[in-house]
Amino acid sequence: MVAPSAPPFTLTPHFVALIYCEPTESGDGILEVVFRKGLSEDSEQVARNVSPFRVDPGKFTYRLVRAELEFQDLGQVFAHCRIDKEPWHLIPLTLLAPIND
């Protein structure tokens, strides 16, 4: 996405997670989203959201995750997402230079 202005600035992106429950599972879980400046679990954490959920087996639910991210320069932030203690799924957010009219 294009940055709203030259850095520094604060961005509040909204992230929607769709969660599916297998018919054989309980439907109770915890969604954890950690925004980091890199790909590894050791990368600097800039925001974190933890949300319990309940979904009927065989159905979907969703969670809206809102973060407040401070940027000192342009680049990427990665949303590290997982349910309970399962493996992480990474979703990049890339900030591009603002457009000058």
C-alpha atoms as a PDB file:
ATOM      1  CA  MET A   1       0.000   0.000   0.000  1.00  0.00           C
ATOM      2  CA  VAL A   2       1.073   3.588  -0.503  1.00  0.00           C
ATOM      3  CA  ALA A   3       2.177   5.322   2.692  1.00  0.00           C
ATOM      4  CA  PRO A   4      -0.118   8.165   3.811  1.00  0.00           C
ATOM      5  CA  SER A   5       2.860  10.543   4.138  1.00  0.00           C
ATOM      6  CA  ALA A   6       6.595  10.565   4.513  1.00  0.00           C
ATOM      7  CA  PRO A   7       7.752   8.754   7.672  1.00  0.00           C
ATOM      8  CA  PRO A   8       7.416   8.844  10.587  1.00  0.00           C
ATOM      9  CA  PHE A   9       3.694   8.035  10.866  1.00  0.00           C
ATOM     10  CA  THR A  10       1.273   5.622  12.543  1.00  0.00           C
ATOM     11  CA  LEU A  11      -0.862   3.264  10.490  1.00  0.00           C
ATOM     12  CA  THR A  12      -3.901   1.312  11.739  1.00  0.00           C
ATOM     13  CA  PRO A  13      -4.491  -1.475   9.205  1.00  0.00           C
ATOM     14  CA  HIS A  14      -7.444  -3.833   9.555  1.00  0.00           C
ATOM     15  CA  PHE A  15      -6.866  -7.530   9.022  1.00  0.00           C
ATOM     16  CA  VAL A  16      -9.641 -10.112   8.644  1.00  0.00           C
ATOM     17  CA  ALA A  17      -8.894 -13.734   9.548  1.00  0.00           C
ATOM     18  CA  LEU A  18     -11.270 -16.440   8.294  1.00  0.00           C
ATOM     19  CA  ILE A  19     -11.217 -19.466  10.574  1.00  0.00           C
ATOM     20  CA  TYR A  20     -12.546 -22.891   9.587  1.00  0.00           C
ATOM     21  CA  CYS A  21     -13.259 -25.693  12.040  1.00  0.00           C
ATOM     22  CA  GLU A  22     -12.992 -29.293  10.883  1.00  0.00           C
ATOM     23  CA  PRO A  23     -16.155 -31.320  11.671  1.00  0.00           C
ATOM     24  CA  THR A  24     -14.138 -33.481  14.084  1.00  0.00           C
ATOM     25  CA  GLU A  25     -12.672 -30.578  16.115  1.00  0.00           C
ATOM     26  CA  SER A  26     -14.099 -28.832  19.185  1.00  0.00           C
ATOM     27  CA  GLY A  27     -14.439 -25.333  17.683  1.00  0.00           C
ATOM     28  CA  ASP A  28     -12.732 -23.511  20.567  1.00  0.00           C
ATOM     29  CA  GLY A  29      -9.418 -21.801  19.980  1.00  0.00           C
ATOM     30  CA  ILE A  30      -7.176 -18.766  20.243  1.00  0.00           C
ATOM     31  CA  LEU A  31      -6.160 -16.624  17.259  1.00  0.00           C
ATOM     32  CA  GLU A  32      -2.789 -14.950  17.770  1.00  0.00           C
ATOM     33  CA  VAL A  33      -1.471 -12.285  15.387  1.00  0.00           C
ATOM     34  CA  VAL A  34       1.971 -10.784  15.958  1.00  0.00           C
ATOM     35  CA  PHE A  35       3.147  -7.968  13.680  1.00  0.00           C
ATOM     36  CA  ARG A  36       6.924  -8.170  13.209  1.00  0.00           C
ATOM     37  CA  LYS A  37       9.529  -6.295  11.187  1.00  0.00           C
ATOM     38  CA  GLY A  38      10.889  -9.544   9.732  1.00  0.00           C
ATOM     39  CA  LEU A  39      10.144 -13.127   8.793  1.00  0.00           C
ATOM     40  CA  SER A  40      11.580 -14.917  11.822  1.00  0.00           C
ATOM     41  CA  GLU A  41      10.060 -15.319  15.282  1.00  0.00           C
ATOM     42  CA  ASP A  42      13.096 -13.422  16.593  1.00  0.00           C
ATOM     43  CA  SER A  43      12.275 -10.312  14.518  1.00  0.00           C
ATOM     44  CA  GLU A  44      11.226  -7.164  16.360  1.00  0.00           C
ATOM     45  CA  GLN A  45       7.584  -7.240  17.475  1.00  0.00           C
ATOM     46  CA  VAL A  46       5.662  -4.023  16.768  1.00  0.00           C
ATOM     47  CA  ALA A  47       2.124  -5.112  17.765  1.00  0.00           C
ATOM     48  CA  ARG A  48       0.268  -8.179  19.041  1.00  0.00           C
ATOM     49  CA  ASN A  49      -3.370  -9.272  19.199  1.00  0.00           C
ATOM     50  CA  VAL A  50      -4.780 -12.384  20.898  1.00  0.00           C
ATOM     51  CA  SER A  51      -8.448 -13.288  20.465  1.00  0.00           C
ATOM     52  CA  PRO A  52     -10.407 -16.336  21.671  1.00  0.00           C
ATOM     53  CA  PHE A  53     -13.032 -17.705  19.308  1.00  0.00           C
ATOM     54  CA  ARG A  54     -15.791 -20.289  19.109  1.00  0.00           C
ATOM     55  CA  VAL A  55     -16.958 -21.763  15.799  1.00  0.00           C
ATOM     56  CA  ASP A  56     -19.377 -24.598  15.124  1.00  0.00           C
ATOM     57  CA  PRO A  57     -17.628 -27.715  13.780  1.00  0.00           C
ATOM     58  CA  GLY A  58     -17.755 -27.795   9.980  1.00  0.00           C
ATOM     59  CA  LYS A  59     -18.322 -24.013   9.762  1.00  0.00           C
ATOM     60  CA  PHE A  60     -16.409 -20.739   9.414  1.00  0.00           C
ATOM     61  CA  THR A  61     -16.067 -17.707  11.653  1.00  0.00           C
ATOM     62  CA  TYR A  62     -13.972 -14.567  11.336  1.00  0.00           C
ATOM     63  CA  ARG A  63     -11.999 -12.211  13.514  1.00  0.00           C
ATOM     64  CA  LEU A  64     -11.162  -8.585  12.797  1.00  0.00           C
ATOM     65  CA  VAL A  65      -7.648  -7.680  13.918  1.00  0.00           C
ATOM     66  CA  ARG A  66      -6.722  -4.009  14.183  1.00  0.00           C
ATOM     67  CA  ALA A  67      -3.171  -2.952  14.892  1.00  0.00           C
ATOM     68  CA  GLU A  68      -1.561   0.401  15.548  1.00  0.00           C
ATOM     69  CA  LEU A  69       1.800   0.307  13.770  1.00  0.00           C
ATOM     70  CA  GLU A  70       4.419   3.048  14.047  1.00  0.00           C
ATOM     71  CA  PHE A  71       6.692   3.441  11.026  1.00  0.00           C
ATOM     72  CA  GLN A  72       9.991   5.308  11.149  1.00  0.00           C
ATOM     73  CA  ASP A  73      10.729   4.417   7.502  1.00  0.00           C
ATOM     74  CA  LEU A  74       9.153   2.597   4.557  1.00  0.00           C
ATOM     75  CA  GLY A  75       9.380  -1.161   4.149  1.00  0.00           C
ATOM     76  CA  GLN A  76       7.595  -4.332   5.192  1.00  0.00           C
ATOM     77  CA  VAL A  77       5.862  -5.604   8.287  1.00  0.00           C
ATOM     78  CA  PHE A  78       4.727  -9.220   8.533  1.00  0.00           C
ATOM     79  CA  ALA A  79       1.603 -10.422  10.324  1.00  0.00           C
ATOM     80  CA  HIS A  80       2.550 -13.756  11.923  1.00  0.00           C
ATOM     81  CA  CYS A  81      -0.787 -15.564  12.435  1.00  0.00           C
ATOM     82  CA  ARG A  82      -1.625 -18.849  14.140  1.00  0.00           C
ATOM     83  CA  ILE A  83      -4.389 -20.701  15.921  1.00  0.00           C
ATOM     84  CA  ASP A  84      -3.457 -22.156  19.292  1.00  0.00           C
ATOM     85  CA  LYS A  85       0.153 -23.395  18.980  1.00  0.00           C
ATOM     86  CA  GLU A  86      -0.050 -24.421  15.304  1.00  0.00           C
ATOM     87  CA  PRO A  87       2.602 -23.264  12.768  1.00  0.00           C
ATOM     88  CA  TRP A  88       2.711 -19.579  11.847  1.00  0.00           C
ATOM     89  CA  HIS A  89       1.240 -18.215   8.600  1.00  0.00           C
ATOM     90  CA  LEU A  90       2.949 -15.025   7.410  1.00  0.00           C
ATOM     91  CA  ILE A  91       1.190 -12.178   5.603  1.00  0.00           C
ATOM     92  CA  PRO A  92       3.265  -9.212   4.368  1.00  0.00           C
ATOM     93  CA  LEU A  93       2.279  -5.554   4.457  1.00  0.00           C
ATOM     94  CA  THR A  94       4.534  -3.501   2.174  1.00  0.00           C
ATOM     95  CA  LEU A  95       4.572   0.295   2.429  1.00  0.00           C
ATOM     96  CA  LEU A  96       5.540   2.219  -0.699  1.00  0.00           C
ATOM     97  CA  ALA A  97       6.604   5.857  -0.985  1.00  0.00           C
ATOM     98  CA  PRO A  98       3.759   8.387  -0.959  1.00  0.00           C
ATOM     99  CA  ILE A  99       2.591   9.771  -4.288  1.00  0.00           C
ATOM    100  CA  ASN A 100       3.363  13.449  -4.826  1.00  0.00           C
ATOM    101  CA  ASP A 101       0.784  15.389  -6.861  1.00  0.00           C
END
